[in-house]
C-alpha atoms as a PDB file:
ATOM      1  CA  UNK A   1      37.997 111.453 110.197  1.00  0.00           C
ATOM      2  CA  UNK A   2      41.206 111.022 108.289  1.00  0.00           C
ATOM      3  CA  UNK A   3      42.334 112.368 104.934  1.00  0.00           C
ATOM      4  CA  UNK A   4      44.595 110.449 102.555  1.00  0.00           C
ATOM      5  CA  UNK A   5      45.718 111.449  99.057  1.00  0.00           C
ATOM      6  CA  UNK A   6      45.950 108.715  96.445  1.00  0.00           C
ATOM      7  CA  UNK A   7      46.367 108.545  92.678  1.00  0.00           C
ATOM      8  CA  UNK A   8      43.581 107.690  90.265  1.00  0.00           C
ATOM      9  CA  UNK A   9      44.918 104.794  88.162  1.00  0.00           C
ATOM     10  CA  UNK A  10      43.887 103.364  84.802  1.00  0.00           C
ATOM     11  CA  UNK A  11      42.123  99.984  84.904  1.00  0.00           C
ATOM     12  CA  UNK A  12      41.225  99.106  81.311  1.00  0.00           C
ATOM     13  CA  UNK A  13      38.837 101.797  80.066  1.00  0.00           C
ATOM     14  CA  UNK A  14      37.932 102.753  83.642  1.00  0.00           C
ATOM     15  CA  UNK A  15      39.751 104.398  86.515  1.00  0.00           C
ATOM     16  CA  UNK A  16      40.308 103.196  90.053  1.00  0.00           C
ATOM     17  CA  UNK A  17      41.839 104.116  93.370  1.00  0.00           C
ATOM     18  CA  UNK A  18      43.809 102.085  95.901  1.00  0.00           C
ATOM     19  CA  UNK A  19      42.351 102.275  99.395  1.00  0.00           C
ATOM     20  CA  UNK A  20      44.808 101.611 102.248  1.00  0.00           C
ATOM     21  CA  UNK A  21      44.115  98.509 104.340  1.00  0.00           C
ATOM     22  CA  UNK A  22      43.730 100.493 107.554  1.00  0.00           C
ATOM     23  CA  UNK A  23      40.890 102.526 106.020  1.00  0.00           C
ATOM     24  CA  UNK A  24      39.179  99.404 104.666  1.00  0.00           C
ATOM     25  CA  UNK A  25      39.299  97.842 108.125  1.00  0.00           C
ATOM     26  CA  UNK A  26      38.111 101.026 109.850  1.00  0.00           C
ATOM     27  CA  UNK A  27      35.109 101.247 107.499  1.00  0.00           C
ATOM     28  CA  UNK A  28      34.396  97.479 107.570  1.00  0.00           C
ATOM     29  CA  UNK A  29      34.773  97.222 103.799  1.00  0.00           C
ATOM     30  CA  UNK A  30      35.389  93.733 102.400  1.00  0.00           C
ATOM     31  CA  UNK A  31      34.399  92.752  98.880  1.00  0.00           C
ATOM     32  CA  UNK A  32      31.555  95.073  97.946  1.00  0.00           C
ATOM     33  CA  UNK A  33      30.887  98.798  98.354  1.00  0.00           C
ATOM     34  CA  UNK A  34      28.161 101.303  97.584  1.00  0.00           C
ATOM     35  CA  UNK A  35      29.072 104.409  95.596  1.00  0.00           C
ATOM     36  CA  UNK A  36      27.083 107.606  96.044  1.00  0.00           C
ATOM     37  CA  UNK A  37      27.570 111.075  94.633  1.00  0.00           C
ATOM     38  CA  UNK A  38      26.797 114.152  96.709  1.00  0.00           C
ATOM     39  CA  UNK A  39      27.296 117.389  94.809  1.00  0.00           C
ATOM     40  CA  UNK A  40      30.971 117.200  93.760  1.00  0.00           C
ATOM     41  CA  UNK A  41      31.911 114.395  96.176  1.00  0.00           C
ATOM     42  CA  UNK A  42      32.103 110.626  95.822  1.00  0.00           C
ATOM     43  CA  UNK A  43      31.037 108.654  98.905  1.00  0.00           C
ATOM     44  CA  UNK A  44      32.259 105.053  99.193  1.00  0.00           C
ATOM     45  CA  UNK A  45      30.700 102.953 101.942  1.00  0.00           C
ATOM     46  CA  UNK A  46      30.361  99.336 102.935  1.00  0.00           C
ATOM     47  CA  UNK A  47      27.343  97.626 101.422  1.00  0.00           C
ATOM     48  CA  UNK A  48      26.951  95.449 104.519  1.00  0.00           C
ATOM     49  CA  UNK A  49      24.605  96.554 107.270  1.00  0.00           C
ATOM     50  CA  UNK A  50      25.706  96.606 110.893  1.00  0.00           C
ATOM     51  CA  UNK A  51      23.474  93.714 112.008  1.00  0.00           C
ATOM     52  CA  UNK A  52      23.506  91.716 108.801  1.00  0.00           C
ATOM     53  CA  UNK A  53      22.899  88.014 109.423  1.00  0.00           C
ATOM     54  CA  UNK A  54      21.600  88.443 112.969  1.00  0.00           C
ATOM     55  CA  UNK A  55      18.130  87.091 112.088  1.00  0.00           C
ATOM     56  CA  UNK A  56      19.499  83.777 110.839  1.00  0.00           C
ATOM     57  CA  UNK A  57      21.934  83.576 113.778  1.00  0.00           C
ATOM     58  CA  UNK A  58      19.089  84.105 116.258  1.00  0.00           C
ATOM     59  CA  UNK A  59      16.975  81.497 114.476  1.00  0.00           C
ATOM     60  CA  UNK A  60      19.830  78.983 114.666  1.00  0.00           C
ATOM     61  CA  UNK A  61      20.291  79.761 118.386  1.00  0.00           C
ATOM     62  CA  UNK A  62      16.571  79.124 118.943  1.00  0.00           C
ATOM     63  CA  UNK A  63      16.706  75.817 117.069  1.00  0.00           C
ATOM     64  CA  UNK A  64      19.695  74.749 119.208  1.00  0.00           C
ATOM     65  CA  UNK A  65      17.932  75.943 122.398  1.00  0.00           C
ATOM     66  CA  UNK A  66      20.731  78.433 123.015  1.00  0.00           C
ATOM     67  CA  UNK A  67      18.405  81.432 123.383  1.00  0.00           C
ATOM     68  CA  UNK A  68      18.079  81.458 127.154  1.00  0.00           C
ATOM     69  CA  UNK A  69      18.142  84.738 129.072  1.00  0.00           C
ATOM     70  CA  UNK A  70      21.489  85.496 130.645  1.00  0.00           C
ATOM     71  CA  UNK A  71      20.230  88.424 132.725  1.00  0.00           C
ATOM     72  CA  UNK A  72      17.362  87.936 135.151  1.00  0.00           C
ATOM     73  CA  UNK A  73      14.829  90.475 133.911  1.00  0.00           C
ATOM     74  CA  UNK A  74      12.699  90.082 137.043  1.00  0.00           C
ATOM     75  CA  UNK A  75      15.274  91.580 139.380  1.00  0.00           C
ATOM     76  CA  UNK A  76      14.191  94.863 140.884  1.00  0.00           C
ATOM     77  CA  UNK A  77      15.855  97.528 142.913  1.00  0.00           C
ATOM     78  CA  UNK A  78      14.475  99.844 145.606  1.00  0.00           C
ATOM     79  CA  UNK A  79      13.383 102.422 143.018  1.00  0.00           C
ATOM     80  CA  UNK A  80      11.496  99.802 140.988  1.00  0.00           C
ATOM     81  CA  UNK A  81       9.807  98.361 144.072  1.00  0.00           C
ATOM     82  CA  UNK A  82       8.913 101.587 145.901  1.00  0.00           C
ATOM     83  CA  UNK A  83       8.796 104.541 143.534  1.00  0.00           C
ATOM     84  CA  UNK A  84       8.063 103.453 139.952  1.00  0.00           C
ATOM     85  CA  UNK A  85       4.419 103.360 138.905  1.00  0.00           C
ATOM     86  CA  UNK A  86       3.475 100.921 136.164  1.00  0.00           C
END
């Protein structure tokens, strides 16, 4: 966690802050954010979810027949063969 001081600036009738590029990149913030208040704090976070767009990417992979398994899930080791009970 890092702490940075910045000035609150006038933007028309509102106020704004400048967020350093390194913090925007670290928090994966692009064009849109979510603002949340917690007691006397303002929380600014990316509005994008971590796996946003994965569903459509997986669907496209399936349509292009690119969804083959890379790892053989049938491989077993000595523990799997001798000791594990299913």
